[in-house]
Amino acid sequence: MKSAKKIVQDFYKSDALIDPQVMDTYLHPEITLDWNSSKGFIQLKKDEILAMTTEMSKAYVRSKARISHILQDGDGVAVRYSHYIKTIENPREEMLLAHFMVIWELKDGQLFRGFQMSQLS
């Protein structure tokens, strides 16, 4: 069985952030994501996360999370990363979208509870 840290690393290395089918495989059915962004606070459930991923897939051809820190404590994983994207309009240029800090709690090998903060670049 994969460690919680390995599952989170695989999640961010995958196309989950722009592919709803991949995203769905990582999300626990009862996932809740509390997100404090530079635009305010939102709480997302599974359907809302998948809808947001679908919207991102329409705008971005590539997505890459560059992890700078990742720490595991039991079923909890804290990860700090920068999210880079390539847009459909300009697929050759990689742009920094935002910086993220997330604490994930895993359940049954899937992302169950997330506490995320982000700042646009």
PDB file of N, CA and C in Angstrom:
ATOM      1  N   MET A   1       0.836  -1.195   0.000  1.00  0.00           N
ATOM      2  CA  MET A   1       0.000   0.000   0.000  1.00  0.00           C
ATOM      3  C   MET A   1       0.878   1.255   0.000  1.00  0.00           C
ATOM      4  N   LYS A   2       0.514   2.237  -0.818  1.00  0.00           N
ATOM      5  CA  LYS A   2       1.274   3.483  -0.909  1.00  0.00           C
ATOM      6  C   LYS A   2       1.112   4.307   0.359  1.00  0.00           C
ATOM      7  N   SER A   3       2.166   5.036   0.701  1.00  0.00           N
ATOM      8  CA  SER A   3       2.087   5.959   1.831  1.00  0.00           C
ATOM      9  C   SER A   3       1.241   7.164   1.438  1.00  0.00           C
ATOM     10  N   ALA A   4       0.745   7.865   2.448  1.00  0.00           N
ATOM     11  CA  ALA A   4      -0.043   9.081   2.202  1.00  0.00           C
ATOM     12  C   ALA A   4       0.788  10.086   1.406  1.00  0.00           C
ATOM     13  N   LYS A   5       2.063  10.202   1.755  1.00  0.00           N
ATOM     14  CA  LYS A   5       2.953  11.139   1.063  1.00  0.00           C
ATOM     15  C   LYS A   5       3.085  10.769  -0.414  1.00  0.00           C
ATOM     16  N   LYS A   6       3.245   9.488  -0.711  1.00  0.00           N
ATOM     17  CA  LYS A   6       3.385   9.024  -2.092  1.00  0.00           C
ATOM     18  C   LYS A   6       2.107   9.282  -2.896  1.00  0.00           C
ATOM     19  N   ILE A   7       0.948   9.075  -2.278  1.00  0.00           N
ATOM     20  CA  ILE A   7      -0.333   9.333  -2.950  1.00  0.00           C
ATOM     21  C   ILE A   7      -0.436  10.814  -3.315  1.00  0.00           C
ATOM     22  N   VAL A   8      -0.086  11.696  -2.382  1.00  0.00           N
ATOM     23  CA  VAL A   8      -0.148  13.136  -2.642  1.00  0.00           C
ATOM     24  C   VAL A   8       0.865  13.531  -3.721  1.00  0.00           C
ATOM     25  N   GLN A   9       2.073  12.975  -3.668  1.00  0.00           N
ATOM     26  CA  GLN A   9       3.066  13.261  -4.706  1.00  0.00           C
ATOM     27  C   GLN A   9       2.549  12.818  -6.077  1.00  0.00           C
ATOM     28  N   ASP A  10       1.989  11.615  -6.143  1.00  0.00           N
ATOM     29  CA  ASP A  10       1.450  11.106  -7.412  1.00  0.00           C
ATOM     30  C   ASP A  10       0.313  11.987  -7.920  1.00  0.00           C
ATOM     31  N   PHE A  11      -0.528  12.465  -6.994  1.00  0.00           N
ATOM     32  CA  PHE A  11      -1.635  13.350  -7.340  1.00  0.00           C
ATOM     33  C   PHE A  11      -1.122  14.608  -8.047  1.00  0.00           C
ATOM     34  N   TYR A  12      -0.128  15.260  -7.459  1.00  0.00           N
ATOM     35  CA  TYR A  12       0.377  16.505  -8.040  1.00  0.00           C
ATOM     36  C   TYR A  12       1.239  16.280  -9.280  1.00  0.00           C
ATOM     37  N   LYS A  13       1.792  15.080  -9.456  1.00  0.00           N
ATOM     38  CA  LYS A  13       2.563  14.767 -10.668  1.00  0.00           C
ATOM     39  C   LYS A  13       1.639  14.382 -11.829  1.00  0.00           C
ATOM     40  N   SER A  14       0.416  14.010 -11.525  1.00  0.00           N
ATOM     41  CA  SER A  14      -0.546  13.591 -12.552  1.00  0.00           C
ATOM     42  C   SER A  14      -1.171  14.806 -13.225  1.00  0.00           C
ATOM     43  N   ASP A  15      -2.098  14.550 -14.147  1.00  0.00           N
ATOM     44  CA  ASP A  15      -2.854  15.625 -14.800  1.00  0.00           C
ATOM     45  C   ASP A  15      -4.163  15.917 -14.064  1.00  0.00           C
ATOM     46  N   ALA A  16      -4.255  15.518 -12.800  1.00  0.00           N
ATOM     47  CA  ALA A  16      -5.511  15.670 -12.050  1.00  0.00           C
ATOM     48  C   ALA A  16      -6.036  17.106 -12.031  1.00  0.00           C
ATOM     49  N   LEU A  17      -5.150  18.090 -11.992  1.00  0.00           N
ATOM     50  CA  LEU A  17      -5.591  19.477 -11.879  1.00  0.00           C
ATOM     51  C   LEU A  17      -6.291  19.983 -13.142  1.00  0.00           C
ATOM     52  N   ILE A  18      -6.100  19.263 -14.281  1.00  0.00           N
ATOM     53  CA  ILE A  18      -6.780  19.674 -15.517  1.00  0.00           C
ATOM     54  C   ILE A  18      -7.511  18.511 -16.193  1.00  0.00           C
ATOM     55  N   ASP A  19      -7.625  17.379 -15.505  1.00  0.00           N
ATOM     56  CA  ASP A  19      -8.317  16.224 -16.088  1.00  0.00           C
ATOM     57  C   ASP A  19      -9.292  15.656 -15.060  1.00  0.00           C
ATOM     58  N   PRO A  20     -10.600  15.921 -15.238  1.00  0.00           N
ATOM     59  CA  PRO A  20     -11.591  15.481 -14.245  1.00  0.00           C
ATOM     60  C   PRO A  20     -11.616  13.972 -14.012  1.00  0.00           C
ATOM     61  N   GLN A  21     -11.313  13.164 -15.031  1.00  0.00           N
ATOM     62  CA  GLN A  21     -11.305  11.709 -14.852  1.00  0.00           C
ATOM     63  C   GLN A  21     -10.167  11.280 -13.935  1.00  0.00           C
ATOM     64  N   VAL A  22      -9.000  11.892 -14.118  1.00  0.00           N
ATOM     65  CA  VAL A  22      -7.864  11.596 -13.238  1.00  0.00           C
ATOM     66  C   VAL A  22      -8.163  12.122 -11.834  1.00  0.00           C
ATOM     67  N   MET A  23      -8.689  13.353 -11.755  1.00  0.00           N
ATOM     68  CA  MET A  23      -9.017  13.956 -10.468  1.00  0.00           C
ATOM     69  C   MET A  23      -9.954  13.051  -9.670  1.00  0.00           C
ATOM     70  N   ASP A  24     -10.960  12.513 -10.333  1.00  0.00           N
ATOM     71  CA  ASP A  24     -11.962  11.673  -9.674  1.00  0.00           C
ATOM     72  C   ASP A  24     -11.338  10.470  -8.970  1.00  0.00           C
ATOM     73  N   THR A  25     -10.266   9.913  -9.530  1.00  0.00           N
ATOM     74  CA  THR A  25      -9.637   8.730  -8.932  1.00  0.00           C
ATOM     75  C   THR A  25      -8.958   9.049  -7.602  1.00  0.00           C
ATOM     76  N   TYR A  26      -8.575  10.306  -7.394  1.00  0.00           N
ATOM     77  CA  TYR A  26      -7.880  10.698  -6.164  1.00  0.00           C
ATOM     78  C   TYR A  26      -8.816  11.189  -5.060  1.00  0.00           C
ATOM     79  N   LEU A  27     -10.052  11.536  -5.416  1.00  0.00           N
ATOM     80  CA  LEU A  27     -10.958  12.151  -4.445  1.00  0.00           C
ATOM     81  C   LEU A  27     -11.830  11.136  -3.728  1.00  0.00           C
ATOM     82  N   HIS A  28     -11.852  11.224  -2.414  1.00  0.00           N
ATOM     83  CA  HIS A  28     -12.762  10.423  -1.601  1.00  0.00           C
ATOM     84  C   HIS A  28     -14.185  10.924  -1.877  1.00  0.00           C
ATOM     85  N   PRO A  29     -15.190  10.045  -1.890  1.00  0.00           N
ATOM     86  CA  PRO A  29     -16.567  10.484  -2.156  1.00  0.00           C
ATOM     87  C   PRO A  29     -17.055  11.603  -1.223  1.00  0.00           C
ATOM     88  N   GLU A  30     -16.535  11.649  -0.010  1.00  0.00           N
ATOM     89  CA  GLU A  30     -16.979  12.641   0.976  1.00  0.00           C
ATOM     90  C   GLU A  30     -15.955  13.763   1.187  1.00  0.00           C
ATOM     91  N   ILE A  31     -15.140  14.034   0.179  1.00  0.00           N
ATOM     92  CA  ILE A  31     -14.093  15.063   0.304  1.00  0.00           C
ATOM     93  C   ILE A  31     -14.685  16.442   0.599  1.00  0.00           C
ATOM     94  N   THR A  32     -13.960  17.193   1.416  1.00  0.00           N
ATOM     95  CA  THR A  32     -14.242  18.607   1.638  1.00  0.00           C
ATOM     96  C   THR A  32     -12.913  19.342   1.556  1.00  0.00           C
ATOM     97  N   LEU A  33     -12.899  20.428   0.764  1.00  0.00           N
ATOM     98  CA  LEU A  33     -11.710  21.266   0.643  1.00  0.00           C
ATOM     99  C   LEU A  33     -12.060  22.669   1.115  1.00  0.00           C
ATOM    100  N   ASP A  34     -11.405  23.111   2.187  1.00  0.00           N
ATOM    101  CA  ASP A  34     -11.531  24.486   2.669  1.00  0.00           C
ATOM    102  C   ASP A  34     -10.408  25.281   2.026  1.00  0.00           C
ATOM    103  N   TRP A  35     -10.756  26.295   1.256  1.00  0.00           N
ATOM    104  CA  TRP A  35      -9.764  27.024   0.472  1.00  0.00           C
ATOM    105  C   TRP A  35      -9.818  28.508   0.791  1.00  0.00           C
ATOM    106  N   ASN A  36      -8.728  29.007   1.348  1.00  0.00           N
ATOM    107  CA  ASN A  36      -8.540  30.439   1.574  1.00  0.00           C
ATOM    108  C   ASN A  36      -7.646  30.948   0.451  1.00  0.00           C
ATOM    109  N   SER A  37      -8.226  31.751  -0.438  1.00  0.00           N
ATOM    110  CA  SER A  37      -7.448  32.294  -1.547  1.00  0.00           C
ATOM    111  C   SER A  37      -7.332  33.794  -1.386  1.00  0.00           C
ATOM    112  N   SER A  38      -6.576  34.401  -2.289  1.00  0.00           N
ATOM    113  CA  SER A  38      -6.456  35.863  -2.253  1.00  0.00           C
ATOM    114  C   SER A  38      -7.795  36.526  -2.582  1.00  0.00           C
ATOM    115  N   LYS A  39      -8.767  35.731  -3.057  1.00  0.00           N
ATOM    116  CA  LYS A  39     -10.093  36.263  -3.373  1.00  0.00           C
ATOM    117  C   LYS A  39     -11.125  35.956  -2.287  1.00  0.00           C
ATOM    118  N   GLY A  40     -10.722  35.234  -1.237  1.00  0.00           N
ATOM    119  CA  GLY A  40     -11.649  34.919  -0.155  1.00  0.00           C
ATOM    120  C   GLY A  40     -11.693  33.437   0.154  1.00  0.00           C
ATOM    121  N   PHE A  41     -12.715  33.034   0.929  1.00  0.00           N
ATOM    122  CA  PHE A  41     -12.849  31.652   1.387  1.00  0.00           C
ATOM    123  C   PHE A  41     -13.937  30.926   0.607  1.00  0.00           C
ATOM    124  N   ILE A  42     -13.647  29.695   0.195  1.00  0.00           N
ATOM    125  CA  ILE A  42     -14.671  28.828  -0.381  1.00  0.00           C
ATOM    126  C   ILE A  42     -14.497  27.421   0.180  1.00  0.00           C
ATOM    127  N   GLN A  43     -15.600  26.709   0.248  1.00  0.00           N
ATOM    128  CA  GLN A  43     -15.564  25.314   0.655  1.00  0.00           C
ATOM    129  C   GLN A  43     -16.118  24.499  -0.508  1.00  0.00           C
ATOM    130  N   LEU A  44     -15.360  23.498  -0.921  1.00  0.00           N
ATOM    131  CA  LEU A  44     -15.727  22.698  -2.086  1.00  0.00           C
ATOM    132  C   LEU A  44     -15.936  21.240  -1.714  1.00  0.00           C
ATOM    133  N   LYS A  45     -16.968  20.644  -2.304  1.00  0.00           N
ATOM    134  CA  LYS A  45     -17.225  19.211  -2.202  1.00  0.00           C
ATOM    135  C   LYS A  45     -16.785  18.571  -3.518  1.00  0.00           C
ATOM    136  N   LYS A  46     -16.918  17.259  -3.616  1.00  0.00           N
ATOM    137  CA  LYS A  46     -16.398  16.524  -4.769  1.00  0.00           C
ATOM    138  C   LYS A  46     -16.925  17.050  -6.100  1.00  0.00           C
ATOM    139  N   ASP A  47     -18.227  17.224  -6.236  1.00  0.00           N
ATOM    140  CA  ASP A  47     -18.799  17.677  -7.508  1.00  0.00           C
ATOM    141  C   ASP A  47     -18.264  19.046  -7.914  1.00  0.00           C
ATOM    142  N   GLU A  48     -18.064  19.919  -6.936  1.00  0.00           N
ATOM    143  CA  GLU A  48     -17.571  21.265  -7.216  1.00  0.00           C
ATOM    144  C   GLU A  48     -16.100  21.243  -7.633  1.00  0.00           C
ATOM    145  N   ILE A  49     -15.328  20.367  -7.016  1.00  0.00           N
ATOM    146  CA  ILE A  49     -13.914  20.220  -7.397  1.00  0.00           C
ATOM    147  C   ILE A  49     -13.816  19.683  -8.825  1.00  0.00           C
ATOM    148  N   LEU A  50     -14.641  18.695  -9.146  1.00  0.00           N
ATOM    149  CA  LEU A  50     -14.631  18.132 -10.503  1.00  0.00           C
ATOM    150  C   LEU A  50     -15.091  19.162 -11.535  1.00  0.00           C
ATOM    151  N   ALA A  51     -16.075  19.982 -11.178  1.00  0.00           N
ATOM    152  CA  ALA A  51     -16.543  21.033 -12.088  1.00  0.00           C
ATOM    153  C   ALA A  51     -15.440  22.065 -12.334  1.00  0.00           C
ATOM    154  N   MET A  52     -14.711  22.429 -11.285  1.00  0.00           N
ATOM    155  CA  MET A  52     -13.620  23.386 -11.430  1.00  0.00           C
ATOM    156  C   MET A  52     -12.510  22.789 -12.305  1.00  0.00           C
ATOM    157  N   THR A  53     -12.222  21.512 -12.123  1.00  0.00           N
ATOM    158  CA  THR A  53     -11.216  20.833 -12.937  1.00  0.00           C
ATOM    159  C   THR A  53     -11.634  20.823 -14.410  1.00  0.00           C
ATOM    160  N   THR A  54     -12.907  20.598 -14.662  1.00  0.00           N
ATOM    161  CA  THR A  54     -13.437  20.613 -16.029  1.00  0.00           C
ATOM    162  C   THR A  54     -13.237  21.987 -16.661  1.00  0.00           C
ATOM    163  N   GLU A  55     -13.513  23.052 -15.889  1.00  0.00           N
ATOM    164  CA  GLU A  55     -13.315  24.416 -16.395  1.00  0.00           C
ATOM    165  C   GLU A  55     -11.837  24.680 -16.697  1.00  0.00           C
ATOM    166  N   MET A  56     -10.960  24.207 -15.816  1.00  0.00           N
ATOM    167  CA  MET A  56      -9.523  24.401 -16.033  1.00  0.00           C
ATOM    168  C   MET A  56      -9.057  23.659 -17.284  1.00  0.00           C
ATOM    169  N   SER A  57      -9.652  22.496 -17.546  1.00  0.00           N
ATOM    170  CA  SER A  57      -9.252  21.708 -18.719  1.00  0.00           C
ATOM    171  C   SER A  57      -9.597  22.428 -20.025  1.00  0.00           C
ATOM    172  N   LYS A  58     -10.566  23.339 -19.977  1.00  0.00           N
ATOM    173  CA  LYS A  58     -10.954  24.098 -21.166  1.00  0.00           C
ATOM    174  C   LYS A  58      -9.992  25.251 -21.447  1.00  0.00           C
ATOM    175  N   ALA A  59      -9.280  25.712 -20.439  1.00  0.00           N
ATOM    176  CA  ALA A  59      -8.396  26.869 -20.586  1.00  0.00           C
ATOM    177  C   ALA A  59      -6.916  26.494 -20.684  1.00  0.00           C
ATOM    178  N   TYR A  60      -6.536  25.370 -20.074  1.00  0.00           N
ATOM    179  CA  TYR A  60      -5.113  25.022 -19.979  1.00  0.00           C
ATOM    180  C   TYR A  60      -4.817  23.714 -20.703  1.00  0.00           C
ATOM    181  N   VAL A  61      -3.702  23.710 -21.450  1.00  0.00           N
ATOM    182  CA  VAL A  61      -3.278  22.484 -22.138  1.00  0.00           C
ATOM    183  C   VAL A  61      -2.278  21.695 -21.298  1.00  0.00           C
ATOM    184  N   ARG A  62      -1.659  22.381 -20.347  1.00  0.00           N
ATOM    185  CA  ARG A  62      -0.673  21.719 -19.498  1.00  0.00           C
ATOM    186  C   ARG A  62      -0.739  22.330 -18.120  1.00  0.00           C
ATOM    187  N   SER A  63      -0.487  21.490 -17.133  1.00  0.00           N
ATOM    188  CA  SER A  63      -0.494  21.922 -15.742  1.00  0.00           C
ATOM    189  C   SER A  63       0.652  21.205 -15.031  1.00  0.00           C
ATOM    190  N   LYS A  64       1.414  21.953 -14.268  1.00  0.00           N
ATOM    191  CA  LYS A  64       2.530  21.340 -13.545  1.00  0.00           C
ATOM    192  C   LYS A  64       2.614  21.941 -12.147  1.00  0.00           C
ATOM    193  N   ALA A  65       2.659  21.075 -11.156  1.00  0.00           N
ATOM    194  CA  ALA A  65       2.854  21.521  -9.773  1.00  0.00           C
ATOM    195  C   ALA A  65       4.306  21.251  -9.395  1.00  0.00           C
ATOM    196  N   ARG A  66       5.017  22.302  -9.036  1.00  0.00           N
ATOM    197  CA  ARG A  66       6.415  22.152  -8.599  1.00  0.00           C
ATOM    198  C   ARG A  66       6.428  22.203  -7.077  1.00  0.00           C
ATOM    199  N   ILE A  67       6.604  21.038  -6.472  1.00  0.00           N
ATOM    200  CA  ILE A  67       6.581  20.905  -5.008  1.00  0.00           C
ATOM    201  C   ILE A  67       7.922  21.336  -4.425  1.00  0.00           C
ATOM    202  N   SER A  68       7.859  22.234  -3.450  1.00  0.00           N
ATOM    203  CA  SER A  68       9.086  22.655  -2.765  1.00  0.00           C
ATOM    204  C   SER A  68       9.208  21.991  -1.398  1.00  0.00           C
ATOM    205  N   HIS A  69       8.074  21.667  -0.769  1.00  0.00           N
ATOM    206  CA  HIS A  69       8.077  21.028   0.549  1.00  0.00           C
ATOM    207  C   HIS A  69       6.946  20.008   0.617  1.00  0.00           C
ATOM    208  N   ILE A  70       7.224  18.863   1.225  1.00  0.00           N
ATOM    209  CA  ILE A  70       6.167  17.876   1.469  1.00  0.00           C
ATOM    210  C   ILE A  70       6.534  17.092   2.722  1.00  0.00           C
ATOM    211  N   LEU A  71       5.598  17.072   3.677  1.00  0.00           N
ATOM    212  CA  LEU A  71       5.826  16.431   4.968  1.00  0.00           C
ATOM    213  C   LEU A  71       4.632  15.543   5.300  1.00  0.00           C
ATOM    214  N   GLN A  72       4.921  14.373   5.880  1.00  0.00           N
ATOM    215  CA  GLN A  72       3.847  13.453   6.258  1.00  0.00           C
ATOM    216  C   GLN A  72       3.842  13.240   7.765  1.00  0.00           C
ATOM    217  N   ASP A  73       2.634  13.183   8.334  1.00  0.00           N
ATOM    218  CA  ASP A  73       2.429  12.830   9.733  1.00  0.00           C
ATOM    219  C   ASP A  73       1.208  11.920   9.765  1.00  0.00           C
ATOM    220  N   GLY A  74       1.421  10.623   9.847  1.00  0.00           N
ATOM    221  CA  GLY A  74       0.313   9.670   9.814  1.00  0.00           C
ATOM    222  C   GLY A  74      -0.400   9.734   8.476  1.00  0.00           C
ATOM    223  N   ASP A  75      -1.726   9.962   8.518  1.00  0.00           N
ATOM    224  CA  ASP A  75      -2.511  10.089   7.288  1.00  0.00           C
ATOM    225  C   ASP A  75      -2.610  11.532   6.812  1.00  0.00           C
ATOM    226  N   GLY A  76      -1.815  12.407   7.404  1.00  0.00           N
ATOM    227  CA  GLY A  76      -1.810  13.815   7.015  1.00  0.00           C
ATOM    228  C   GLY A  76      -0.553  14.155   6.230  1.00  0.00           C
ATOM    229  N   VAL A  77      -0.734  14.973   5.198  1.00  0.00           N
ATOM    230  CA  VAL A  77       0.390  15.402   4.366  1.00  0.00           C
ATOM    231  C   VAL A  77       0.279  16.902   4.137  1.00  0.00           C
ATOM    232  N   ALA A  78       1.356  17.612   4.424  1.00  0.00           N
ATOM    233  CA  ALA A  78       1.424  19.045   4.136  1.00  0.00           C
ATOM    234  C   ALA A  78       2.303  19.224   2.908  1.00  0.00           C
ATOM    235  N   VAL A  79       1.819  20.023   1.973  1.00  0.00           N
ATOM    236  CA  VAL A  79       2.565  20.229   0.731  1.00  0.00           C
ATOM    237  C   VAL A  79       2.535  21.699   0.340  1.00  0.00           C
ATOM    238  N   ARG A  80       3.683  22.193  -0.073  1.00  0.00           N
ATOM    239  CA  ARG A  80       3.815  23.567  -0.569  1.00  0.00           C
ATOM    240  C   ARG A  80       4.289  23.453  -2.004  1.00  0.00           C
ATOM    241  N   TYR A  81       3.563  24.117  -2.908  1.00  0.00           N
ATOM    242  CA  TYR A  81       3.941  24.022  -4.314  1.00  0.00           C
ATOM    243  C   TYR A  81       3.562  25.280  -5.084  1.00  0.00           C
ATOM    244  N   SER A  82       4.162  25.403  -6.252  1.00  0.00           N
ATOM    245  CA  SER A  82       3.813  26.456  -7.196  1.00  0.00           C
ATOM    246  C   SER A  82       3.164  25.783  -8.393  1.00  0.00           C
ATOM    247  N   HIS A  83       2.060  26.354  -8.864  1.00  0.00           N
ATOM    248  CA  HIS A  83       1.286  25.761  -9.963  1.00  0.00           C
ATOM    249  C   HIS A  83       1.562  26.549 -11.246  1.00  0.00           C
ATOM    250  N   TYR A  84       2.135  25.844 -12.218  1.00  0.00           N
ATOM    251  CA  TYR A  84       2.440  26.430 -13.524  1.00  0.00           C
ATOM    252  C   TYR A  84       1.474  25.868 -14.560  1.00  0.00           C
ATOM    253  N   ILE A  85       1.109  26.706 -15.539  1.00  0.00           N
ATOM    254  CA  ILE A  85       0.164  26.282 -16.577  1.00  0.00           C
ATOM    255  C   ILE A  85       0.639  26.760 -17.943  1.00  0.00           C
ATOM    256  N   LYS A  86       0.112  26.089 -18.973  1.00  0.00           N
ATOM    257  CA  LYS A  86       0.246  26.555 -20.355  1.00  0.00           C
ATOM    258  C   LYS A  86      -1.170  26.696 -20.876  1.00  0.00           C
ATOM    259  N   THR A  87      -1.488  27.870 -21.414  1.00  0.00           N
ATOM    260  CA  THR A  87      -2.847  28.138 -21.877  1.00  0.00           C
ATOM    261  C   THR A  87      -3.055  27.638 -23.306  1.00  0.00           C
ATOM    262  N   ILE A  88      -4.307  27.467 -23.660  1.00  0.00           N
ATOM    263  CA  ILE A  88      -4.660  27.074 -25.022  1.00  0.00           C
ATOM    264  C   ILE A  88      -4.221  28.167 -26.001  1.00  0.00           C
ATOM    265  N   GLU A  89      -4.356  29.440 -25.595  1.00  0.00           N
ATOM    266  CA  GLU A  89      -3.979  30.569 -26.455  1.00  0.00           C
ATOM    267  C   GLU A  89      -2.472  30.640 -26.672  1.00  0.00           C
ATOM    268  N   ASN A  90      -1.698  30.228 -25.676  1.00  0.00           N
ATOM    269  CA  ASN A  90      -0.241  30.345 -25.753  1.00  0.00           C
ATOM    270  C   ASN A  90       0.407  29.071 -25.195  1.00  0.00           C
ATOM    271  N   PRO A  91       0.300  27.944 -25.932  1.00  0.00           N
ATOM    272  CA  PRO A  91       0.754  26.659 -25.399  1.00  0.00           C
ATOM    273  C   PRO A  91       2.268  26.517 -25.235  1.00  0.00           C
ATOM    274  N   ARG A  92       3.040  27.433 -25.796  1.00  0.00           N
ATOM    275  CA  ARG A  92       4.503  27.327 -25.688  1.00  0.00           C
ATOM    276  C   ARG A  92       5.054  27.994 -24.428  1.00  0.00           C
ATOM    277  N   GLU A  93       4.269  28.914 -23.860  1.00  0.00           N
ATOM    278  CA  GLU A  93       4.764  29.669 -22.709  1.00  0.00           C
ATOM    279  C   GLU A  93       4.192  29.124 -21.403  1.00  0.00           C
ATOM    280  N   GLU A  94       5.099  28.736 -20.512  1.00  0.00           N
ATOM    281  CA  GLU A  94       4.686  28.284 -19.185  1.00  0.00           C
ATOM    282  C   GLU A  94       4.575  29.505 -18.275  1.00  0.00           C
ATOM    283  N   MET A  95       3.426  29.609 -17.589  1.00  0.00           N
ATOM    284  CA  MET A  95       3.194  30.748 -16.706  1.00  0.00           C
ATOM    285  C   MET A  95       2.903  30.269 -15.293  1.00  0.00           C
ATOM    286  N   LEU A  96       3.387  31.020 -14.319  1.00  0.00           N
ATOM    287  CA  LEU A  96       3.094  30.739 -12.925  1.00  0.00           C
ATOM    288  C   LEU A  96       1.677  31.210 -12.631  1.00  0.00           C
ATOM    289  N   LEU A  97       0.826  30.297 -12.200  1.00  0.00           N
ATOM    290  CA  LEU A  97      -0.560  30.635 -11.879  1.00  0.00           C
ATOM    291  C   LEU A  97      -0.676  31.126 -10.437  1.00  0.00           C
ATOM    292  N   ALA A  98      -0.160  30.319  -9.488  1.00  0.00           N
ATOM    293  CA  ALA A  98      -0.290  30.675  -8.070  1.00  0.00           C
ATOM    294  C   ALA A  98       0.619  29.809  -7.208  1.00  0.00           C
ATOM    295  N   HIS A  99       0.779  30.240  -5.970  1.00  0.00           N
ATOM    296  CA  HIS A  99       1.503  29.468  -4.952  1.00  0.00           C
ATOM    297  C   HIS A  99       0.469  28.879  -3.989  1.00  0.00           C
ATOM    298  N   PHE A 100       0.712  27.643  -3.542  1.00  0.00           N
ATOM    299  CA  PHE A 100      -0.234  26.937  -2.690  1.00  0.00           C
ATOM    300  C   PHE A 100       0.446  26.318  -1.474  1.00  0.00           C
ATOM    301  N   MET A 101      -0.302  26.252  -0.393  1.00  0.00           N
ATOM    302  CA  MET A 101       0.066  25.501   0.809  1.00  0.00           C
ATOM    303  C   MET A 101      -1.174  24.707   1.189  1.00  0.00           C
ATOM    304  N   VAL A 102      -1.049  23.388   1.249  1.00  0.00           N
ATOM    305  CA  VAL A 102      -2.202  22.530   1.508  1.00  0.00           C
ATOM    306  C   VAL A 102      -1.858  21.489   2.567  1.00  0.00           C
ATOM    307  N   ILE A 103      -2.802  21.255   3.448  1.00  0.00           N
ATOM    308  CA  ILE A 103      -2.716  20.123   4.366  1.00  0.00           C
ATOM    309  C   ILE A 103      -3.817  19.157   3.954  1.00  0.00           C
ATOM    310  N   TRP A 104      -3.429  17.943   3.587  1.00  0.00           N
ATOM    311  CA  TRP A 104      -4.386  16.910   3.187  1.00  0.00           C
ATOM    312  C   TRP A 104      -4.498  15.843   4.259  1.00  0.00           C
ATOM    313  N   GLU A 105      -5.715  15.426   4.546  1.00  0.00           N
ATOM    314  CA  GLU A 105      -5.971  14.238   5.361  1.00  0.00           C
ATOM    315  C   GLU A 105      -6.487  13.181   4.391  1.00  0.00           C
ATOM    316  N   LEU A 106      -5.888  11.998   4.425  1.00  0.00           N
ATOM    317  CA  LEU A 106      -6.297  10.934   3.531  1.00  0.00           C
ATOM    318  C   LEU A 106      -7.156   9.911   4.260  1.00  0.00           C
ATOM    319  N   LYS A 107      -8.062   9.309   3.526  1.00  0.00           N
ATOM    320  CA  LYS A 107      -8.928   8.257   4.055  1.00  0.00           C
ATOM    321  C   LYS A 107      -9.116   7.243   2.939  1.00  0.00           C
ATOM    322  N   ASP A 108      -8.911   5.974   3.234  1.00  0.00           N
ATOM    323  CA  ASP A 108      -9.034   4.904   2.247  1.00  0.00           C
ATOM    324  C   ASP A 108      -8.142   5.162   1.026  1.00  0.00           C
ATOM    325  N   GLY A 109      -6.976   5.763   1.245  1.00  0.00           N
ATOM    326  CA  GLY A 109      -6.033   6.010   0.159  1.00  0.00           C
ATOM    327  C   GLY A 109      -6.429   7.128  -0.785  1.00  0.00           C
ATOM    328  N   GLN A 110      -7.366   7.988  -0.362  1.00  0.00           N
ATOM    329  CA  GLN A 110      -7.818   9.097  -1.209  1.00  0.00           C
ATOM    330  C   GLN A 110      -7.815  10.398  -0.411  1.00  0.00           C
ATOM    331  N   LEU A 111      -7.831  11.509  -1.143  1.00  0.00           N
ATOM    332  CA  LEU A 111      -7.888  12.828  -0.510  1.00  0.00           C
ATOM    333  C   LEU A 111      -9.273  13.009   0.105  1.00  0.00           C
ATOM    334  N   PHE A 112      -9.289  13.237   1.421  1.00  0.00           N
ATOM    335  CA  PHE A 112     -10.547  13.273   2.172  1.00  0.00           C
ATOM    336  C   PHE A 112     -10.871  14.670   2.708  1.00  0.00           C
ATOM    337  N   ARG A 113      -9.868  15.323   3.288  1.00  0.00           N
ATOM    338  CA  ARG A 113     -10.091  16.634   3.897  1.00  0.00           C
ATOM    339  C   ARG A 113      -8.901  17.500   3.553  1.00  0.00           C
ATOM    340  N   GLY A 114      -9.155  18.663   2.942  1.00  0.00           N
ATOM    341  CA  GLY A 114      -8.075  19.554   2.551  1.00  0.00           C
ATOM    342  C   GLY A 114      -8.239  20.930   3.138  1.00  0.00           C
ATOM    343  N   PHE A 115      -7.117  21.509   3.519  1.00  0.00           N
ATOM    344  CA  PHE A 115      -7.063  22.872   4.041  1.00  0.00           C
ATOM    345  C   PHE A 115      -6.012  23.589   3.203  1.00  0.00           C
ATOM    346  N   GLN A 116      -6.466  24.487   2.331  1.00  0.00           N
ATOM    347  CA  GLN A 116      -5.598  25.059   1.314  1.00  0.00           C
ATOM    348  C   GLN A 116      -5.576  26.584   1.383  1.00  0.00           C
ATOM    349  N   MET A 117      -4.381  27.134   1.173  1.00  0.00           N
ATOM    350  CA  MET A 117      -4.219  28.585   1.050  1.00  0.00           C
ATOM    351  C   MET A 117      -3.486  28.829  -0.249  1.00  0.00           C
ATOM    352  N   SER A 118      -3.895  29.880  -0.971  1.00  0.00           N
ATOM    353  CA  SER A 118      -3.223  30.171  -2.230  1.00  0.00           C
ATOM    354  C   SER A 118      -3.067  31.673  -2.398  1.00  0.00           C
ATOM    355  N   GLN A 119      -2.082  32.020  -3.211  1.00  0.00           N
ATOM    356  CA  GLN A 119      -1.855  33.415  -3.570  1.00  0.00           C
ATOM    357  C   GLN A 119      -1.507  33.449  -5.041  1.00  0.00           C
ATOM    358  N   LEU A 120      -2.232  34.264  -5.797  1.00  0.00           N
ATOM    359  CA  LEU A 120      -1.946  34.407  -7.221  1.00  0.00           C
ATOM    360  C   LEU A 120      -0.540  34.970  -7.393  1.00  0.00           C
ATOM    361  N   SER A 121       0.088  34.594  -8.503  1.00  0.00           N
ATOM    362  CA  SER A 121       1.452  35.059  -8.741  1.00  0.00           C
ATOM    363  C   SER A 121       1.484  36.536  -9.064  1.00  0.00           C
TER     364      SER A 121
END
